[in-house]
Every structure is written in structure tokens, then in C-alpha cells.
Amino acid sequence: MGYGKTGKKILFYDTDKRHADLKIKLQYDGLGQSEFFRALVTGYLDEDPSIMEYVDSYKETSGKQSGRQQRVTKKERSVEREVTKTFASNEIENIFDIIERENPEL
């Protein structure tokens, strides 16, 4: 079986109260736990602006990242968006193919 094909379990602990509150809210919204968490993970991996805004806010209020590092991360994301807009996705893939051929050790 190839990479990315095997199902993996993601597990974390929280309080019974927060778990019950989550289940109630998810039922109200018509979502299952797996669907909810997959949607959030997808939004995070795809760098959905609303998810990233929340993550940035969380990092700021929780002190998970210095202000300088937060600014660097935001700038890198902004540059990435600009590059993605500039080049079509197939051009980006072609660039990575060229880099891979020229630098097989990477």
C-alpha cells in the first residue's frame, strides 16, 4: 500500500465536559466528529484564510510563537499565495519536477 493510503487514527484527550459540549454542538450542526475534524484538518492544510486567522489568533493569545515568528510566518504565507497566483499549478509541478531531476538527493 502506498504512502497516503493507510488510515491513521488521530487521538487526543480532553475533559468529559468539553467532549459532551462538542457532541451536542456537532449534533446541532448535523456533523459527525470525524467529519468535523477532517474538515478542520483540510482547512488547515489548505491554509483556508478563516482557519489560518483563527490559528494565528490562537498562537498570539497562547504565546505559542513569538511576535517576530508570527510576522515571519504570515509573510511567508503571503509570498506563497502571490507565487501561487503568479504561476498555474501545473507550472509549479513542472518546476518541482525539474528541481527533483537536477537534485535527486533532495
Protein backbone atom coordinates (compact mmCIF):
# COMPACT_ATOMS: atom_id res chain seq x y z
CA MET A 1 0.00 0.00 0.00
CA GLY A 2 1.41 3.43 -0.96
CA TYR A 3 2.04 6.45 1.18
CA GLY A 4 -1.14 8.36 1.96
CA LYS A 5 -3.39 5.33 1.52
CA THR A 6 -3.31 3.90 5.03
CA GLY A 7 -5.86 5.20 7.54
CA LYS A 8 -4.33 6.72 10.65
CA LYS A 9 -6.02 7.38 13.96
CA ILE A 10 -5.59 10.83 15.47
CA LEU A 11 -6.21 10.83 19.18
CA PHE A 12 -6.09 13.45 21.90
CA TYR A 13 -7.52 13.84 25.36
CA ASP A 14 -9.88 16.47 26.68
CA THR A 15 -12.31 16.78 29.56
CA ASP A 16 -15.59 14.89 29.63
CA LYS A 17 -17.47 18.23 29.78
CA ARG A 18 -15.81 19.57 26.61
CA HIS A 19 -16.40 16.24 24.87
CA ALA A 20 -20.11 16.35 25.77
CA ASP A 21 -20.35 20.01 24.68
CA LEU A 22 -18.67 19.14 21.39
CA LYS A 23 -21.03 16.24 20.71
CA ILE A 24 -24.06 18.46 21.42
CA LYS A 25 -22.83 21.24 19.12
CA LEU A 26 -21.92 18.77 16.38
CA GLN A 27 -25.35 17.16 16.57
CA TYR A 28 -26.96 20.60 16.37
CA ASP A 29 -24.92 21.35 13.23
CA GLY A 30 -25.54 17.90 11.75
CA LEU A 31 -21.87 16.91 11.75
CA GLY A 32 -20.09 13.82 12.99
CA GLN A 33 -16.84 14.06 14.94
CA SER A 34 -14.74 12.54 12.16
CA GLU A 35 -16.28 14.77 9.51
CA PHE A 36 -15.73 17.83 11.70
CA PHE A 37 -12.08 17.11 12.45
CA ARG A 38 -11.32 16.12 8.84
CA ALA A 39 -12.85 19.40 7.66
CA LEU A 40 -10.71 21.38 10.10
CA VAL A 41 -7.55 19.49 9.16
CA THR A 42 -8.29 20.04 5.47
CA GLY A 43 -8.83 23.76 6.07
CA TYR A 44 -5.57 23.96 7.99
CA LEU A 45 -3.55 22.01 5.41
CA ASP A 46 -5.09 24.01 2.55
CA GLU A 47 -4.43 27.19 4.53
CA ASP A 48 -8.03 28.32 4.40
CA PRO A 49 -7.88 32.02 5.38
CA SER A 50 -10.56 31.74 8.08
CA ILE A 51 -8.85 28.74 9.70
CA MET A 52 -5.42 30.38 9.49
CA GLU A 53 -6.80 33.57 11.03
CA TYR A 54 -8.03 31.53 13.99
CA VAL A 55 -4.71 29.64 14.27
CA ASP A 56 -2.79 32.93 14.18
CA SER A 57 -5.06 34.37 16.86
CA TYR A 58 -4.60 31.25 19.00
CA LYS A 59 -0.82 31.38 18.66
CA GLU A 60 -0.85 35.03 19.67
CA THR A 61 -3.07 34.62 22.74
CA SER A 62 -1.45 31.38 23.90
CA GLY A 63 2.12 32.58 23.42
CA LYS A 64 2.93 29.56 21.23
CA GLN A 65 5.03 31.69 18.91
CA SER A 66 6.94 34.93 19.37
CA GLY A 67 5.58 38.04 17.71
CA ARG A 68 8.57 38.04 15.37
CA GLN A 69 8.00 34.41 14.34
CA GLN A 70 4.29 35.13 13.78
CA ARG A 71 5.16 38.01 11.45
CA VAL A 72 7.65 35.81 9.54
CA THR A 73 5.06 33.03 9.17
CA LYS A 74 2.38 35.46 7.93
CA LYS A 75 4.82 36.98 5.43
CA GLU A 76 5.84 33.53 4.15
CA ARG A 77 2.18 32.61 3.64
CA SER A 78 1.58 35.88 1.81
CA VAL A 79 4.55 35.28 -0.50
CA GLU A 80 3.35 31.71 -1.12
CA ARG A 81 -0.12 32.97 -2.11
CA GLU A 82 1.43 35.50 -4.51
CA VAL A 83 3.65 32.87 -6.13
CA THR A 84 0.69 30.51 -6.45
CA LYS A 85 -1.35 33.27 -8.12
CA THR A 86 1.50 34.07 -10.47
CA PHE A 87 2.09 30.51 -11.64
CA ALA A 88 -0.51 27.99 -12.69
CA SER A 89 -0.48 24.81 -10.57
CA ASN A 90 0.84 22.73 -13.48
CA GLU A 91 3.76 25.16 -13.89
CA ILE A 92 4.56 24.76 -10.19
CA GLU A 93 4.52 20.97 -10.55
CA ASN A 94 6.83 21.26 -13.57
CA ILE A 95 9.21 23.39 -11.51
CA PHE A 96 9.29 20.76 -8.75
CA ASP A 97 9.89 18.02 -11.34
CA ILE A 98 12.84 19.96 -12.75
CA ILE A 99 14.27 20.57 -9.27
CA GLU A 100 13.87 16.87 -8.44
CA ARG A 101 15.65 15.79 -11.63
CA GLU A 102 18.50 18.23 -11.05
CA ASN A 103 18.80 17.48 -7.32
CA PRO A 104 17.86 13.83 -6.73
CA GLU A 105 19.33 13.90 -3.21
CA LEU A 106 16.63 16.35 -2.04
